[in-house]
Amino acid sequence: MPTKSPISIIFKKLFLSICILLLSVAANAQCAMCRAALESSGNSVKAEAVNDGIVFLMAIPYIIVAGIGFVVYKMYYKKK
């Protein structure tokens, strides 16, 4: 089985990186604007619901990463 040259590997990584950068989509942050608009309208129930939603959306990635870290930790010490 022929081995790949380092230049070929670097070229593929560079090409993939450029494709990812060029194909990315600009995202506009709307949560802060929605929150400010709701708080200024005087409807405190809706503003509180939006704030809870923002906290929920912010917390989920951290919970997922912590779960994956816990699984890796358990697998690492199970082998020892």
C-alpha atoms as a PDB file:
ATOM      1  CA  MET A   1       0.000   0.000   0.000  1.00  0.00           C
ATOM      2  CA  PRO A   2       1.582   3.309  -1.050  1.00  0.00           C
ATOM      3  CA  THR A   3       2.006   5.966   1.598  1.00  0.00           C
ATOM      4  CA  LYS A   4       0.739   9.481   1.030  1.00  0.00           C
ATOM      5  CA  SER A   5       3.275  12.242   0.747  1.00  0.00           C
ATOM      6  CA  PRO A   6       3.231  15.015   3.363  1.00  0.00           C
ATOM      7  CA  ILE A   7       2.614  17.593   0.631  1.00  0.00           C
ATOM      8  CA  SER A   8      -0.499  15.731  -0.481  1.00  0.00           C
ATOM      9  CA  ILE A   9      -1.836  15.675   3.077  1.00  0.00           C
ATOM     10  CA  ILE A  10      -1.080  19.382   3.577  1.00  0.00           C
ATOM     11  CA  PHE A  11      -2.738  20.240   0.253  1.00  0.00           C
ATOM     12  CA  LYS A  12      -5.894  18.330   1.197  1.00  0.00           C
ATOM     13  CA  LYS A  13      -6.085  20.028   4.609  1.00  0.00           C
ATOM     14  CA  LEU A  14      -5.523  23.450   3.048  1.00  0.00           C
ATOM     15  CA  PHE A  15      -8.156  22.810   0.375  1.00  0.00           C
ATOM     16  CA  LEU A  16     -10.676  21.647   2.980  1.00  0.00           C
ATOM     17  CA  SER A  17      -9.977  24.693   5.165  1.00  0.00           C
ATOM     18  CA  ILE A  18     -10.463  27.078   2.246  1.00  0.00           C
ATOM     19  CA  CYS A  19     -13.715  25.355   1.261  1.00  0.00           C
ATOM     20  CA  ILE A  20     -15.051  25.625   4.804  1.00  0.00           C
ATOM     21  CA  LEU A  21     -14.178  29.324   4.958  1.00  0.00           C
ATOM     22  CA  LEU A  22     -15.717  30.097   1.574  1.00  0.00           C
ATOM     23  CA  LEU A  23     -18.903  28.118   2.164  1.00  0.00           C
ATOM     24  CA  SER A  24     -19.648  29.536   5.590  1.00  0.00           C
ATOM     25  CA  VAL A  25     -22.845  31.512   5.990  1.00  0.00           C
ATOM     26  CA  ALA A  26     -22.982  34.805   7.830  1.00  0.00           C
ATOM     27  CA  ALA A  27     -25.286  34.624  10.838  1.00  0.00           C
ATOM     28  CA  ASN A  28     -26.833  37.674  12.400  1.00  0.00           C
ATOM     29  CA  ALA A  29     -27.194  37.643  16.165  1.00  0.00           C
ATOM     30  CA  GLN A  30     -30.863  38.255  16.832  1.00  0.00           C
ATOM     31  CA  CYS A  31     -31.211  37.206  20.472  1.00  0.00           C
ATOM     32  CA  ALA A  32     -29.907  40.480  21.873  1.00  0.00           C
ATOM     33  CA  MET A  33     -32.203  42.511  19.635  1.00  0.00           C
ATOM     34  CA  CYS A  34     -35.265  40.409  20.491  1.00  0.00           C
ATOM     35  CA  ARG A  35     -34.478  40.675  24.172  1.00  0.00           C
ATOM     36  CA  ALA A  36     -34.089  44.464  24.027  1.00  0.00           C
ATOM     37  CA  ALA A  37     -37.297  44.879  22.012  1.00  0.00           C
ATOM     38  CA  LEU A  38     -39.312  42.716  24.380  1.00  0.00           C
ATOM     39  CA  GLU A  39     -37.984  44.411  27.493  1.00  0.00           C
ATOM     40  CA  SER A  40     -38.810  47.865  26.136  1.00  0.00           C
ATOM     41  CA  SER A  41     -42.350  46.854  25.134  1.00  0.00           C
ATOM     42  CA  GLY A  42     -43.399  46.336  28.755  1.00  0.00           C
ATOM     43  CA  ASN A  43     -44.523  42.718  28.326  1.00  0.00           C
ATOM     44  CA  SER A  44     -42.458  41.195  31.125  1.00  0.00           C
ATOM     45  CA  VAL A  45     -43.847  37.658  30.711  1.00  0.00           C
ATOM     46  CA  LYS A  46     -42.667  37.416  27.106  1.00  0.00           C
ATOM     47  CA  ALA A  47     -39.337  39.043  27.971  1.00  0.00           C
ATOM     48  CA  GLU A  48     -38.772  36.520  30.751  1.00  0.00           C
ATOM     49  CA  ALA A  49     -39.643  33.646  28.388  1.00  0.00           C
ATOM     50  CA  VAL A  50     -37.160  34.897  25.791  1.00  0.00           C
ATOM     51  CA  ASN A  51     -34.469  35.250  28.470  1.00  0.00           C
ATOM     52  CA  ASP A  52     -35.117  31.673  29.610  1.00  0.00           C
ATOM     53  CA  GLY A  53     -34.847  30.503  25.999  1.00  0.00           C
ATOM     54  CA  ILE A  54     -31.523  32.294  25.571  1.00  0.00           C
ATOM     55  CA  VAL A  55     -30.137  30.656  28.714  1.00  0.00           C
ATOM     56  CA  PHE A  56     -31.386  27.252  27.537  1.00  0.00           C
ATOM     57  CA  LEU A  57     -29.765  27.633  24.111  1.00  0.00           C
ATOM     58  CA  MET A  58     -26.535  28.811  25.726  1.00  0.00           C
ATOM     59  CA  ALA A  59     -26.364  25.935  28.239  1.00  0.00           C
ATOM     60  CA  ILE A  60     -26.978  22.981  25.901  1.00  0.00           C
ATOM     61  CA  PRO A  61     -23.527  22.977  24.189  1.00  0.00           C
ATOM     62  CA  TYR A  62     -21.794  23.036  27.583  1.00  0.00           C
ATOM     63  CA  ILE A  63     -23.906  20.131  28.813  1.00  0.00           C
ATOM     64  CA  ILE A  64     -23.089  18.107  25.686  1.00  0.00           C
ATOM     65  CA  VAL A  65     -19.344  18.780  26.006  1.00  0.00           C
ATOM     66  CA  ALA A  66     -19.440  17.889  29.713  1.00  0.00           C
ATOM     67  CA  GLY A  67     -21.241  14.628  28.898  1.00  0.00           C
ATOM     68  CA  ILE A  68     -18.685  13.685  26.258  1.00  0.00           C
ATOM     69  CA  GLY A  69     -15.864  14.571  28.650  1.00  0.00           C
ATOM     70  CA  PHE A  70     -17.413  12.386  31.347  1.00  0.00           C
ATOM     71  CA  VAL A  71     -17.714   9.423  28.960  1.00  0.00           C
ATOM     72  CA  VAL A  72     -14.089   9.821  27.854  1.00  0.00           C
ATOM     73  CA  TYR A  73     -12.987  10.104  31.501  1.00  0.00           C
ATOM     74  CA  LYS A  74     -14.841   6.905  32.408  1.00  0.00           C
ATOM     75  CA  MET A  75     -13.430   5.033  29.398  1.00  0.00           C
ATOM     76  CA  TYR A  76      -9.893   6.195  30.200  1.00  0.00           C
ATOM     77  CA  TYR A  77      -9.995   5.041  33.819  1.00  0.00           C
ATOM     78  CA  LYS A  78     -11.837   1.832  32.954  1.00  0.00           C
ATOM     79  CA  LYS A  79      -8.816   0.717  30.904  1.00  0.00           C
ATOM     80  CA  LYS A  80      -6.439   1.214  33.850  1.00  0.00           C
END
